[in-house]
Protein backbone atom coordinates (compact mmCIF):
# COMPACT_ATOMS: atom_id res chain seq x y z
CA MET A 1 -160.62 -63.17 60.40
CA GLY A 2 -157.57 -63.62 62.63
CA ALA A 3 -154.12 -62.27 61.85
CA GLU A 4 -152.86 -65.72 60.84
CA ALA A 5 -155.74 -66.32 58.42
CA SER A 6 -155.38 -62.80 57.07
CA ALA A 7 -151.66 -63.31 56.41
CA LEU A 8 -152.41 -66.62 54.72
CA ALA A 9 -154.98 -65.03 52.41
CA VAL A 10 -152.48 -62.37 51.38
CA THR A 11 -149.67 -64.89 50.86
CA LEU A 12 -151.73 -67.49 49.05
CA ARG A 13 -152.63 -65.72 45.85
CA GLY A 14 -154.06 -67.62 42.93
CA ALA A 15 -150.79 -67.76 40.98
CA GLU A 16 -148.89 -69.20 43.94
CA PHE A 17 -151.59 -71.78 44.58
CA HIS A 18 -151.53 -72.81 40.91
CA ARG A 19 -147.74 -73.14 41.05
CA ILE A 20 -148.07 -75.42 44.06
CA ILE A 21 -150.76 -77.63 42.53
CA SER A 22 -149.05 -77.76 39.12
CA ASP A 23 -147.08 -80.68 40.55
CA GLU A 24 -149.29 -83.77 40.26
CA GLY A 25 -147.92 -85.32 43.46
CA ARG A 26 -148.63 -82.22 45.55
CA LEU A 27 -152.11 -81.92 44.04
CA LYS A 28 -152.86 -85.57 44.88
CA MET A 29 -151.63 -85.05 48.43
CA LEU A 30 -153.82 -82.00 48.92
CA THR A 31 -156.92 -83.60 47.44
CA SER A 32 -156.35 -86.77 49.49
CA LEU A 33 -156.05 -84.75 52.68
CA HIS A 34 -159.12 -82.74 51.68
CA GLU A 35 -161.04 -85.99 51.41
CA ALA A 36 -159.52 -87.94 54.34
CA GLY A 37 -159.18 -85.11 56.81
CA GLU A 38 -155.87 -86.18 58.34
CA LEU A 39 -153.13 -88.65 57.39
CA ASP A 40 -149.53 -89.23 58.34
CA ALA A 41 -146.74 -89.31 55.75
CA GLU A 42 -146.60 -93.11 55.57
CA GLU A 43 -150.36 -93.45 55.06
CA LEU A 44 -150.31 -90.79 52.37
CA ALA A 45 -147.31 -92.31 50.57
CA ALA A 46 -148.94 -95.75 50.58
CA ALA A 47 -152.30 -94.43 49.39
CA LEU A 48 -150.71 -92.54 46.51
CA ALA A 49 -147.97 -95.08 45.71
CA LEU A 50 -145.26 -92.45 46.23
CA GLU A 51 -141.77 -92.69 47.69
CA ILE A 52 -141.78 -91.80 51.39
CA THR A 53 -138.83 -89.39 51.09
CA GLU A 54 -140.53 -87.46 48.28
CA THR A 55 -143.80 -87.47 50.23
CA ARG A 56 -142.13 -86.05 53.33
CA ARG A 57 -140.32 -83.38 51.30
CA SER A 58 -143.56 -82.31 49.61
CA LEU A 59 -145.45 -82.30 52.90
CA GLY A 60 -142.77 -80.03 54.35
CA GLU A 61 -143.14 -77.64 51.42
CA LEU A 62 -146.93 -77.64 51.70
CA THR A 63 -146.72 -76.99 55.44
CA ALA A 64 -144.24 -74.14 54.89
CA SER A 65 -146.58 -72.61 52.29
CA GLY A 66 -149.37 -72.49 54.88
CA LEU A 67 -151.63 -75.00 53.14
CA LEU A 68 -151.12 -77.77 55.69
CA ALA A 69 -151.07 -77.98 59.46
CA GLU A 70 -149.42 -80.76 61.40
CA ARG A 71 -150.13 -82.58 64.63
CA ARG A 72 -147.45 -84.64 66.33
CA GLU A 73 -148.32 -87.89 68.04
CA ARG A 74 -145.30 -89.63 69.53
CA PHE A 75 -143.06 -90.33 66.52
CA ARG A 76 -145.61 -89.59 63.81
CA ILE A 77 -146.67 -86.34 62.25
CA HIS A 78 -150.25 -86.16 61.04
CA TYR A 79 -151.10 -83.65 58.30
CA ARG A 80 -154.37 -81.90 57.48
CA LEU A 81 -155.45 -78.84 55.53
CA ALA A 82 -154.66 -75.70 57.51
CA ASP A 83 -157.44 -73.95 59.36
CA GLY A 84 -158.53 -70.65 57.89
CA LEU A 85 -157.76 -71.42 54.25
CA PRO A 86 -159.62 -69.16 51.85
CA ALA A 87 -162.87 -70.77 50.69
CA TRP A 88 -161.70 -70.80 47.07
CA VAL A 89 -158.83 -73.15 48.02
CA THR A 90 -161.12 -75.79 49.48
CA ILE A 91 -163.54 -75.39 46.56
CA ALA A 92 -160.69 -75.86 44.10
CA LEU A 93 -159.43 -78.97 45.93
CA GLY A 94 -162.92 -80.45 46.02
CA ALA A 95 -163.34 -79.84 42.30
CA ALA A 96 -159.89 -81.27 41.51
CA ARG A 97 -160.74 -84.50 43.34
CA HIS A 98 -163.75 -85.23 41.15
């Protein structure tokens, strides 16, 4: 396990993860990205019928927490689940989707 993944596992304790997903919008974003793989903010906002400003704010928070990674392509930022997430996070997101 690399230093980045190790730091993420320490930072992302169960209580913090539950605080993050206690917001229905953030949970829907995470489960949608778990299912889709990668989406930009506009695609995610449209799919979830959310305001784009709220979507971008939440995506920024999720990225800062270490749950999401971003890839820039010209003027768009594409989001996906971060590499090296603990297995229990992806299991929880898969279970929450169904």
